[in-house]
């Protein structure tokens, strides 16, 4: 006995491990949604804007290590979801976007059918690893399996599958296929040995931990290599969580951080793992070893002496074996690294009021808490000075710098981790991009604590105009609601605090609540942290 394409798609998604779909219903999706209604193992969460479908799927994926799934109608739905898809692409996040399509008879004909754009695949190709249109219900299992296999192979990145409504409706005899296990990318042992030779001979080794360490679940191995070398360890903003930042060898985050330049300049051999290596640079005489599962990143920003393609964890494991063979153990250099970090921290402490804001956040958030960091002045300070203790507990928008991503992405993280605290920090401008998702949070009891730092402006660009364009302000000053009352109107908890010294306690109380919480802190424009 056959089943509909919608039922088959539901079954294949379940076979791939999908438990949650973040979506927004629409006419071309109704047959699939009807099939989902009969599958209690998949929870469907309705968002209030299509941008939130991919943002929430991204937060779910990056904090859990499991793919996130989003669902939208074609045309405007795909365009709206594009911001979240682009962010997931920048952050190497495994997100599947399921998109509808117009009726098959209209494809490519320009008949002005509802939600029609020509050609939808061209819209998503620049921000996906793979995109495909399914035109037969028989092809659903193979297409879904290929989507997951591609998404999870090597460097994880989003993919898109789209289907016309007839595919969901058609009856098929096709069967669910077993999922494909991701390929393990082993490093070249000769290159690992060359890297070990360079590192063993180094007098001032430096480890740079990127997002690939976190996404590759290689934090323990990275720490072990650093300890074997007694190296200086820094991370990138995407790599926060790659090492517990309380570790005595950790010195700081290398993200447009001029305060780290003296530390970086001392290195003679640099080991960069899972990073584009964009923010570090390479001084004359320094040797570079680069490890990445994506061969396209090797040598993009600096030419390495040794370039190793491989999974971060497996490559670091192999490197550790080679370093052990080259013993003996190095003398402990924790005191030197602690002194370097103290010097960096002392300079960061002079930046401005946001220093105390970040300290208050860290005191108020438990060790296992997840922090979503918006594109805001306080967020920039968090990149530099918020200490992260565990992998997959710090969310940024990476180089995409997406305004509005933070709150819905944090909601997705909370769905993945209902028992862990999740805090989202936002500027007033960015928060209003997606504040309608307070309705989603209330409806689904997703108790994220959203902190809104309100300076009544797009603060970073406004400061740029004040500092660098003679104070000629245009387009950067804002009129805002009372965010506490705004949150209350949704049925969330709204709290307005007046001083930074109230922030820690308010965050703690918000975490203890079982409802969505918005904390508003009005403030003056903050100085530049960069």
Protein backbone atom coordinates (compact mmCIF):
# COMPACT_ATOMS: atom_id res chain seq x y z
CA UNK A 1 0.00 0.00 0.00
CA UNK A 2 1.42 3.36 -1.02
CA UNK A 3 1.56 6.69 0.78
CA UNK A 4 1.51 10.34 -0.25
CA UNK A 5 4.66 12.28 -0.93
CA UNK A 6 3.96 14.36 2.17
CA UNK A 7 3.79 11.22 4.30
CA UNK A 8 6.94 9.84 2.72
CA UNK A 9 8.81 13.10 3.31
CA UNK A 10 7.71 13.05 6.95
CA UNK A 11 8.91 9.46 7.36
CA UNK A 12 12.26 10.13 5.69
CA UNK A 13 12.86 13.21 7.85
CA UNK A 14 12.09 11.13 10.93
CA UNK A 15 14.56 8.47 9.74
CA UNK A 16 17.21 11.20 9.48
CA UNK A 17 16.59 12.12 13.12
CA UNK A 18 14.48 15.26 12.68
CA UNK A 19 12.51 16.01 15.85
CA UNK A 20 11.61 19.69 15.35
CA UNK A 21 10.64 21.76 12.32
CA UNK A 22 10.51 25.56 12.55
CA UNK A 23 8.10 26.80 9.92
CA UNK A 24 5.36 29.06 8.68
CA UNK A 25 2.35 27.51 6.92
CA UNK A 26 1.25 28.45 3.40
CA UNK A 27 -0.79 27.28 0.47
CA UNK A 28 1.83 25.14 -1.27
CA UNK A 29 2.72 23.32 1.97
CA UNK A 30 -0.70 22.18 3.17
CA UNK A 31 -0.43 18.54 2.05
CA UNK A 32 2.90 18.20 3.81
CA UNK A 33 1.60 19.88 6.96
CA UNK A 34 -1.35 17.49 6.95
CA UNK A 35 1.09 14.58 6.88
CA UNK A 36 3.11 16.13 9.73
CA UNK A 37 -0.08 16.25 11.78
CA UNK A 38 0.03 12.46 11.87
CA UNK A 39 3.63 12.26 13.10
CA UNK A 40 3.78 13.07 16.84
CA UNK A 41 7.56 12.45 16.93
CA UNK A 42 8.16 15.68 14.97
CA UNK A 43 7.25 18.90 16.78
CA UNK A 44 6.20 21.76 14.51
CA UNK A 45 6.90 25.26 15.84
CA UNK A 46 5.20 28.12 14.01
CA UNK A 47 7.18 31.35 13.79
CA UNK A 48 5.78 34.83 13.17
CA UNK A 49 8.15 35.67 10.32
CA UNK A 50 9.99 33.43 7.86
CA UNK A 51 13.35 34.90 8.89
CA UNK A 52 12.89 33.19 12.26
CA UNK A 53 12.47 29.73 10.72
CA UNK A 54 16.09 29.55 9.62
CA UNK A 55 17.43 31.54 12.57
CA UNK A 56 15.78 29.16 15.03
CA UNK A 57 16.95 26.13 13.05
CA UNK A 58 20.48 27.57 13.16
CA UNK A 59 20.44 28.07 16.93
CA UNK A 60 19.06 24.56 17.37
CA UNK A 61 21.80 23.10 15.16
CA UNK A 62 24.83 24.96 16.47
CA UNK A 63 24.14 24.33 20.13
CA UNK A 64 23.07 20.69 19.75
CA UNK A 65 25.26 19.41 16.90
CA UNK A 66 22.11 18.04 15.25
CA UNK A 67 20.76 19.47 11.98
CA UNK A 68 18.06 22.11 12.24
CA UNK A 69 15.10 22.10 9.86
CA UNK A 70 13.06 25.04 8.56
CA UNK A 71 9.96 25.13 6.34
CA UNK A 72 8.69 28.05 4.22
CA UNK A 73 6.53 28.79 1.20
CA UNK A 74 8.24 29.64 -2.09
CA UNK A 75 9.02 33.15 -3.30
CA UNK A 76 8.72 35.64 -0.44
CA UNK A 77 9.04 32.86 2.12
CA UNK A 78 12.41 31.85 0.70
CA UNK A 79 13.54 35.46 0.41
CA UNK A 80 12.57 36.14 4.03
CA UNK A 81 14.32 32.98 5.21
CA UNK A 82 17.42 34.03 3.29
CA UNK A 83 18.89 36.14 6.10
CA UNK A 84 18.89 33.17 8.46
CA UNK A 85 20.18 30.87 5.73
CA UNK A 86 23.03 33.29 4.98
CA UNK A 87 23.89 33.46 8.68
CA UNK A 88 23.92 29.66 8.91
CA UNK A 89 26.20 29.58 5.87
CA UNK A 90 28.63 32.04 7.46
CA UNK A 91 28.57 30.05 10.71
CA UNK A 92 28.98 26.62 9.04
CA UNK A 93 25.71 25.49 10.58
CA UNK A 94 23.83 22.37 9.37
CA UNK A 95 20.41 23.76 8.47
CA UNK A 96 17.96 22.17 6.06
CA UNK A 97 15.56 24.61 4.42
CA UNK A 98 12.49 22.84 3.06
CA UNK A 99 10.73 25.15 0.62
CA UNK A 100 7.55 24.87 -1.35
CA UNK A 101 7.28 25.60 -5.04
CA UNK A 102 4.57 26.78 -7.38
CA UNK A 103 2.50 24.21 -9.28
CA UNK A 104 4.57 22.15 -11.69
CA UNK A 105 2.79 23.32 -14.84
CA UNK A 106 3.89 26.88 -14.11
CA UNK A 107 7.60 26.30 -13.48
CA UNK A 108 9.66 28.60 -15.66
CA UNK A 109 6.64 29.98 -17.53
CA UNK A 110 6.04 33.29 -15.75
CA UNK A 111 2.31 32.74 -15.21
CA UNK A 112 2.16 34.97 -12.10
CA UNK A 113 1.15 32.11 -9.85
CA UNK A 114 1.06 32.73 -6.10
CA UNK A 115 4.59 33.21 -4.65
CA UNK A 116 6.23 32.64 -8.04
CA UNK A 117 9.84 33.69 -8.64
CA UNK A 118 12.13 32.62 -11.44
CA UNK A 119 14.44 30.69 -10.69
CA UNK A 120 14.16 30.01 -6.95
CA UNK A 121 17.19 27.72 -6.84
CA UNK A 122 19.34 30.64 -8.01
CA UNK A 123 18.24 32.59 -4.92
CA UNK A 124 19.62 30.05 -2.47
CA UNK A 125 22.67 28.66 -4.27
CA UNK A 126 25.10 31.37 -3.03
CA UNK A 127 24.15 30.65 0.62
CA UNK A 128 23.84 26.86 0.57
CA UNK A 129 26.18 23.94 0.11
CA UNK A 130 23.64 22.16 -2.10
CA UNK A 131 20.17 22.97 -3.43
CA UNK A 132 17.80 20.69 -5.31
CA UNK A 133 14.26 20.58 -6.67
CA UNK A 134 12.23 17.36 -6.31
CA UNK A 135 9.62 16.84 -9.04
CA UNK A 136 8.47 13.30 -8.24
CA UNK A 137 7.30 11.75 -4.97
CA UNK A 138 9.35 8.68 -5.86
CA UNK A 139 12.52 10.76 -5.58
CA UNK A 140 11.86 12.11 -2.06
CA UNK A 141 13.83 9.54 -0.01
CA UNK A 142 16.98 9.78 -2.11
CA UNK A 143 16.83 13.59 -2.23
CA UNK A 144 16.39 13.94 1.54
CA UNK A 145 19.18 11.45 2.21
CA UNK A 146 21.46 13.33 -0.19
CA UNK A 147 20.58 16.61 1.50
CA UNK A 148 21.60 15.32 4.93
CA UNK A 149 24.69 13.53 3.63
CA UNK A 150 25.89 16.67 1.86
CA UNK A 151 25.06 18.94 4.78
CA UNK A 152 27.00 16.82 7.28
CA UNK A 153 29.99 15.81 5.15
CA UNK A 154 33.16 17.71 6.01
CA UNK A 155 32.39 21.35 6.67
CA UNK A 156 28.75 21.51 7.70
CA UNK A 157 26.67 24.12 5.90
CA UNK A 158 23.00 24.63 5.02
CA UNK A 159 21.20 22.93 2.14
CA UNK A 160 17.83 23.51 0.48
CA UNK A 161 15.17 21.15 -0.90
CA UNK A 162 12.08 22.44 -2.69
CA UNK A 163 8.98 20.64 -3.94
CA UNK A 164 5.82 21.66 -5.81
CA UNK A 165 2.51 20.87 -4.08
CA UNK A 166 1.77 17.97 -6.45
CA UNK A 167 4.78 16.10 -5.06
CA UNK A 168 3.30 16.20 -1.55
CA UNK A 169 -0.07 15.00 -2.87
CA UNK A 170 1.04 12.21 -5.23
CA UNK A 171 0.81 8.57 -4.12
CA UNK A 172 4.03 6.59 -4.28
CA UNK A 173 5.30 3.10 -3.53
CA UNK A 174 8.80 4.38 -2.70
CA UNK A 175 10.25 3.34 0.64
CA UNK A 176 12.18 5.19 3.32
CA UNK A 177 15.95 4.87 2.92
CA UNK A 178 18.42 4.44 5.77
CA UNK A 179 20.50 7.57 6.45
CA UNK A 180 24.13 7.78 5.36
CA UNK A 181 26.77 8.14 8.06
CA UNK A 182 29.02 11.19 7.62
CA UNK A 183 32.43 10.52 6.11
CA UNK A 184 35.39 10.68 8.47
CA UNK A 185 38.12 12.80 6.88
CA UNK A 186 41.44 11.39 8.03
CA UNK A 187 44.56 13.59 7.77
CA UNK A 188 47.64 12.73 5.71
CA UNK A 189 50.01 11.14 8.28
CA UNK A 190 53.10 12.56 6.54
CA UNK A 191 51.73 16.09 6.85
CA UNK A 192 50.85 15.50 10.51
CA UNK A 193 54.42 14.35 11.12
CA UNK A 194 55.78 17.49 9.43
CA UNK A 195 53.54 19.64 11.59
CA UNK A 196 54.73 17.84 14.71
CA UNK A 197 58.36 18.45 13.72
CA UNK A 198 57.73 22.19 13.37
CA UNK A 199 55.83 22.41 16.65
CA UNK A 200 58.33 20.33 18.60
CA UNK A 201 61.10 22.70 17.51
CA UNK A 202 59.10 25.84 18.32
CA UNK A 203 60.17 28.03 21.21
CA UNK A 204 56.95 30.11 21.23
CA UNK A 205 54.11 28.01 19.77
CA UNK A 206 50.69 29.62 19.36
CA UNK A 207 47.39 27.78 18.93
CA UNK A 208 44.49 29.54 17.22
CA UNK A 209 41.17 27.75 17.80
CA UNK A 210 38.41 28.54 15.32
CA UNK A 211 34.79 27.57 15.00
CA UNK A 212 35.78 24.30 13.36
CA UNK A 213 37.09 23.10 16.72
CA UNK A 214 33.70 23.67 18.32
CA UNK A 215 31.66 22.29 15.42
CA UNK A 216 34.06 19.36 15.10
CA UNK A 217 33.70 18.47 18.80
CA UNK A 218 37.47 18.72 19.15
CA UNK A 219 37.76 20.87 22.28
CA UNK A 220 39.36 18.20 24.45
CA UNK A 221 41.92 17.37 21.76
CA UNK A 222 42.74 21.04 21.17
CA UNK A 223 43.34 21.53 24.89
CA UNK A 224 45.53 18.41 25.06
CA UNK A 225 47.73 19.61 22.17
CA UNK A 226 48.05 23.03 23.80
CA UNK A 227 49.10 21.45 27.09
CA UNK A 228 51.62 19.19 25.37
CA UNK A 229 53.23 22.24 23.76
CA UNK A 230 52.62 24.62 26.70
CA UNK A 231 51.52 26.94 23.93
CA UNK A 232 49.78 30.29 24.04
CA UNK A 233 46.15 29.57 23.14
CA UNK A 234 43.77 32.08 21.59
CA UNK A 235 40.40 31.60 19.95
CA UNK A 236 38.35 33.43 17.35
CA UNK A 237 34.86 34.74 18.14
CA UNK A 238 33.40 31.66 16.40
CA UNK A 239 35.88 29.54 18.35
CA UNK A 240 34.76 30.72 21.78
CA UNK A 241 34.07 27.52 23.70
CA UNK A 242 36.85 25.62 21.92
CA UNK A 243 38.72 25.82 25.22
CA UNK A 244 37.57 26.71 28.70
CA UNK A 245 38.68 30.34 28.90
CA UNK A 246 39.72 29.84 32.52
CA UNK A 247 42.50 27.53 31.33
CA UNK A 248 45.93 28.87 32.36
CA UNK A 249 47.25 28.73 28.78
CA UNK A 250 44.39 30.76 27.32
CA UNK A 251 45.23 34.40 26.61
CA UNK A 252 42.31 35.94 24.71
CA UNK A 253 40.06 36.18 21.67
CA UNK A 254 41.66 37.32 18.44
CA UNK A 255 38.89 39.32 16.82
CA UNK A 256 40.00 42.74 15.62
CA UNK A 257 41.68 42.87 19.02
CA UNK A 258 44.72 45.12 18.80
CA UNK A 259 45.45 44.36 22.43
CA UNK A 260 46.55 40.82 21.48
CA UNK A 261 49.07 41.95 18.85
CA UNK A 262 52.12 41.81 21.16
CA UNK A 263 51.19 38.27 22.19
CA UNK A 264 50.65 37.14 18.61
CA UNK A 265 53.88 38.74 17.44
CA UNK A 266 55.94 36.60 19.84
CA UNK A 267 54.92 33.34 18.18
CA UNK A 268 57.41 31.52 15.98
CA UNK A 269 55.13 28.62 14.96
CA UNK A 270 51.35 29.02 14.72
CA UNK A 271 48.88 26.14 14.65
CA UNK A 272 45.50 27.33 13.30
CA UNK A 273 42.65 24.83 13.57
CA UNK A 274 39.23 25.22 11.96
CA UNK A 275 39.56 28.92 11.22
CA UNK A 276 39.63 31.08 8.10
CA UNK A 277 42.65 32.73 9.73
CA UNK A 278 41.36 36.13 8.69
CA UNK A 279 42.01 38.19 11.82
CA UNK A 280 45.49 37.02 12.83
CA UNK A 281 47.87 37.63 9.96
CA UNK A 282 51.38 36.28 9.56
CA UNK A 283 54.52 38.24 10.43
CA UNK A 284 57.85 37.78 8.73
CA UNK A 285 59.60 34.65 9.97
CA UNK A 286 56.52 33.06 11.51
CA UNK A 287 55.65 29.52 10.40
CA UNK A 288 52.03 28.53 9.93
CA UNK A 289 50.37 25.12 10.20
CA UNK A 290 46.73 25.15 9.13
CA UNK A 291 44.23 22.36 9.79
CA UNK A 292 40.79 22.48 8.18
CA UNK A 293 38.25 20.00 6.87
CA UNK A 294 37.44 22.47 4.07
CA UNK A 295 40.33 22.54 1.57
CA UNK A 296 39.15 25.89 0.20
CA UNK A 297 40.08 27.62 3.47
CA UNK A 298 43.69 26.48 3.41
CA UNK A 299 45.84 29.42 2.35
CA UNK A 300 42.94 31.80 1.76
CA UNK A 301 44.35 34.55 4.04
CA UNK A 302 47.92 33.36 4.67
CA UNK A 303 50.11 30.75 2.99
CA UNK A 304 50.76 27.87 5.40
CA UNK A 305 54.01 25.94 5.65
CA UNK A 306 51.96 22.82 6.32
CA UNK A 307 48.33 22.55 5.18
CA UNK A 308 46.36 19.57 6.47
CA UNK A 309 42.90 18.60 5.27
CA UNK A 310 41.05 16.61 7.91
CA UNK A 311 38.46 16.51 10.66
CA UNK A 312 39.65 18.65 13.55
CA UNK A 313 39.30 15.96 16.19
CA UNK A 314 40.97 13.16 14.21
CA UNK A 315 43.79 15.43 13.07
CA UNK A 316 44.50 16.75 16.56
CA UNK A 317 44.43 13.20 17.92
CA UNK A 318 47.02 12.17 15.34
CA UNK A 319 49.11 15.27 16.05
CA UNK A 320 49.08 14.54 19.77
CA UNK A 321 50.46 11.03 19.12
CA UNK A 322 53.27 12.49 17.01
CA UNK A 323 54.10 15.11 19.64
CA UNK A 324 54.27 12.43 22.34
CA UNK A 325 56.82 10.57 20.23
CA UNK A 326 58.96 13.68 20.14
CA UNK A 327 58.93 14.26 23.96
CA UNK A 328 60.05 15.01 26.57
CA UNK A 329 57.29 17.01 28.26
CA UNK A 330 57.78 20.77 28.15
CA UNK A 331 58.27 22.91 31.19
CA UNK A 332 55.06 24.44 32.52
CA UNK A 333 54.54 27.97 31.16
CA UNK A 334 51.19 28.74 32.76
CA UNK A 335 52.61 31.67 34.71
CA UNK A 336 53.81 33.39 31.52
CA UNK A 337 50.48 32.85 29.77
CA UNK A 338 48.54 34.10 32.79
CA UNK A 339 50.67 37.24 32.87
CA UNK A 340 50.00 37.84 29.17
CA UNK A 341 46.27 37.39 29.70
CA UNK A 342 46.31 39.74 32.69
CA UNK A 343 47.94 42.41 30.53
CA UNK A 344 45.32 41.97 27.79
CA UNK A 345 42.47 42.03 30.33
CA UNK A 346 43.84 45.19 31.95
CA UNK A 347 43.68 47.02 28.63
CA UNK A 348 40.18 45.71 27.90
CA UNK A 349 39.01 46.93 31.30
CA UNK A 350 39.60 50.56 30.28
CA UNK A 351 37.22 50.56 27.31
CA UNK A 352 34.03 51.84 28.91
CA UNK A 353 30.77 51.00 30.72
CA UNK A 354 30.22 47.85 28.61
CA UNK A 355 33.05 46.18 30.53
CA UNK A 356 30.91 46.07 33.69
CA UNK A 357 27.88 45.00 31.65
CA UNK A 358 29.73 41.95 30.35
CA UNK A 359 31.02 41.08 33.82
CA UNK A 360 27.48 41.29 35.18
CA UNK A 361 26.22 38.99 32.44
CA UNK A 362 28.90 36.40 33.18
CA UNK A 363 28.14 36.49 36.91
CA UNK A 364 24.42 36.14 36.27
CA UNK A 365 24.61 33.25 33.77
CA UNK A 366 25.42 29.76 35.10
CA UNK A 367 28.46 27.89 33.77
CA UNK A 368 26.37 25.79 31.41
CA UNK A 369 24.36 28.77 30.19
CA UNK A 370 24.16 29.55 26.47
CA UNK A 371 24.67 33.15 25.38
CA UNK A 372 23.42 34.53 22.08
CA UNK A 373 25.34 37.67 21.16
CA UNK A 374 23.75 40.27 18.91
CA UNK A 375 25.43 42.69 16.53
CA UNK A 376 25.60 45.43 19.14
CA UNK A 377 28.26 47.30 21.09
CA UNK A 378 27.85 45.09 24.15
CA UNK A 379 28.04 42.08 21.86
CA UNK A 380 31.38 43.26 20.50
CA UNK A 381 32.62 43.54 24.06
CA UNK A 382 31.45 39.99 24.72
CA UNK A 383 33.57 38.74 21.83
CA UNK A 384 36.59 40.26 23.51
CA UNK A 385 35.96 39.65 27.20
CA UNK A 386 33.01 37.35 27.98
CA UNK A 387 34.64 34.13 29.22
CA UNK A 388 33.10 30.99 27.72
CA UNK A 389 33.54 27.71 29.56
CA UNK A 390 31.89 25.06 27.38
CA UNK A 391 31.61 24.25 23.67
CA UNK A 392 28.42 25.17 21.80
CA UNK A 393 27.43 27.76 24.40
CA UNK A 394 28.21 30.99 22.51
CA UNK A 395 26.32 32.16 19.41
CA UNK A 396 27.43 34.85 16.96
CA UNK A 397 26.42 35.73 13.41
CA UNK A 398 30.07 35.44 12.29
CA UNK A 399 31.07 37.56 9.31
CA UNK A 400 27.45 37.96 8.16
CA UNK A 401 26.88 40.48 11.00
CA UNK A 402 23.13 39.98 10.76
CA UNK A 403 20.96 42.43 12.69
CA UNK A 404 17.97 40.72 14.25
CA UNK A 405 19.39 37.22 14.26
CA UNK A 406 20.11 36.96 17.96
CA UNK A 407 16.71 36.58 19.61
CA UNK A 408 15.21 33.92 17.30
CA UNK A 409 18.53 32.06 17.11
CA UNK A 410 18.58 31.94 20.91
CA UNK A 411 15.02 30.61 20.89
CA UNK A 412 16.19 27.74 18.70
CA UNK A 413 19.01 27.04 21.13
CA UNK A 414 16.52 26.85 24.00
CA UNK A 415 14.32 24.41 22.07
CA UNK A 416 17.39 22.18 21.67
CA UNK A 417 18.33 22.59 25.36
CA UNK A 418 15.14 23.12 27.39
CA UNK A 419 16.95 22.46 30.67
CA UNK A 420 19.84 24.89 30.12
CA UNK A 421 19.69 28.66 30.66
CA UNK A 422 19.71 30.68 27.44
CA UNK A 423 20.29 34.44 27.40
CA UNK A 424 20.11 36.68 24.33
CA UNK A 425 21.73 40.11 24.32
CA UNK A 426 20.46 42.65 21.83
CA UNK A 427 20.58 46.27 20.90
CA UNK A 428 17.26 48.06 20.65
CA UNK A 429 17.50 48.31 16.87
CA UNK A 430 18.35 44.66 16.30
CA UNK A 431 15.79 43.35 18.77
CA UNK A 432 12.91 44.98 16.90
CA UNK A 433 13.90 43.14 13.71
CA UNK A 434 12.51 39.93 15.23
CA UNK A 435 10.69 40.93 18.41
CA UNK A 436 7.45 39.51 17.00
CA UNK A 437 8.94 36.14 17.93
CA UNK A 438 7.99 36.96 21.51
CA UNK A 439 4.64 35.54 20.40
CA UNK A 440 6.38 32.31 19.35
CA UNK A 441 8.21 32.17 22.66
CA UNK A 442 5.04 32.69 24.69
CA UNK A 443 3.00 30.19 22.67
CA UNK A 444 5.65 27.49 23.05
CA UNK A 445 6.88 28.50 26.55
CA UNK A 446 10.45 29.04 25.35
CA UNK A 447 11.89 30.86 28.37
CA UNK A 448 14.83 32.71 26.87
CA UNK A 449 15.96 35.81 28.76
CA UNK A 450 16.38 38.65 26.26
CA UNK A 451 18.43 41.61 27.44
CA UNK A 452 17.83 44.77 25.40
CA UNK A 453 20.50 47.46 25.73
CA UNK A 454 18.54 50.52 24.67
CA UNK A 455 20.41 53.61 23.48
CA UNK A 456 17.63 54.69 21.07
CA UNK A 457 19.88 54.25 18.05
CA UNK A 458 21.63 51.88 15.75
CA UNK A 459 24.45 52.54 18.17
CA UNK A 460 27.52 51.41 16.23
CA UNK A 461 26.63 53.30 13.05
CA UNK A 462 25.45 56.33 15.00
CA UNK A 463 28.78 56.48 16.84
CA UNK A 464 30.57 56.16 13.52
CA UNK A 465 28.71 59.23 12.25
CA UNK A 466 29.46 61.16 15.43
CA UNK A 467 33.15 60.22 15.50
CA UNK A 468 34.09 60.11 11.83
CA UNK A 469 31.56 62.17 9.87
CA UNK A 470 31.46 65.42 11.78
CA UNK A 471 28.36 64.50 13.76
CA UNK A 472 26.21 64.48 10.61
CA UNK A 473 23.61 62.01 11.83
CA UNK A 474 21.23 60.44 9.33
CA UNK A 475 19.11 57.32 9.70
CA UNK A 476 20.64 56.05 12.93
CA UNK A 477 18.50 57.61 15.68
CA UNK A 478 15.44 55.61 16.74
CA UNK A 479 12.14 55.93 18.57
CA UNK A 480 11.41 52.81 20.59
CA UNK A 481 8.59 51.34 22.64
CA UNK A 482 8.90 50.76 26.35
CA UNK A 483 10.34 47.27 25.89
CA UNK A 484 9.17 46.00 29.28
CA UNK A 485 5.55 46.97 28.56
CA UNK A 486 5.96 45.65 25.00
CA UNK A 487 6.97 42.23 26.40
CA UNK A 488 4.07 42.30 28.86
CA UNK A 489 1.63 42.83 25.99
CA UNK A 490 2.66 39.45 24.53
CA UNK A 491 2.21 37.69 27.86
CA UNK A 492 5.95 37.58 28.49
CA UNK A 493 7.68 39.08 31.52
CA UNK A 494 8.95 42.61 30.99
CA UNK A 495 11.42 44.20 33.39
CA UNK A 496 13.01 47.63 33.10
CA UNK A 497 16.18 48.18 35.10
CA UNK A 498 17.88 51.51 35.63
CA UNK A 499 21.49 50.66 36.48
CA UNK A 500 24.16 48.19 35.45
CA UNK A 501 24.49 46.94 39.03
CA UNK A 502 20.93 45.58 38.73
CA UNK A 503 21.73 43.50 35.65
CA UNK A 504 23.23 40.43 37.32
CA UNK A 505 20.30 39.94 39.67
CA UNK A 506 17.73 40.57 36.94
CA UNK A 507 19.37 37.96 34.70
CA UNK A 508 19.40 35.42 37.53
CA UNK A 509 15.71 36.05 38.29
CA UNK A 510 14.82 35.84 34.59
CA UNK A 511 16.54 32.47 34.26
CA UNK A 512 14.56 31.15 37.23
CA UNK A 513 11.26 32.13 35.60
CA UNK A 514 9.56 29.61 33.30
CA UNK A 515 8.27 32.29 30.94
CA UNK A 516 10.00 34.35 28.24
CA UNK A 517 11.63 37.39 29.83
CA UNK A 518 12.72 40.75 28.40
CA UNK A 519 15.08 42.94 30.43
CA UNK A 520 15.47 46.51 29.20
CA UNK A 521 18.44 48.62 30.24
CA UNK A 522 18.25 52.23 28.95
CA UNK A 523 21.71 53.75 28.50
CA UNK A 524 23.81 56.37 26.78
CA UNK A 525 25.83 55.70 23.63
CA UNK A 526 28.80 53.44 24.42
CA UNK A 527 32.39 53.98 23.28
CA UNK A 528 33.94 51.80 20.58
CA UNK A 529 35.41 48.56 21.93
CA UNK A 530 37.44 47.77 18.81
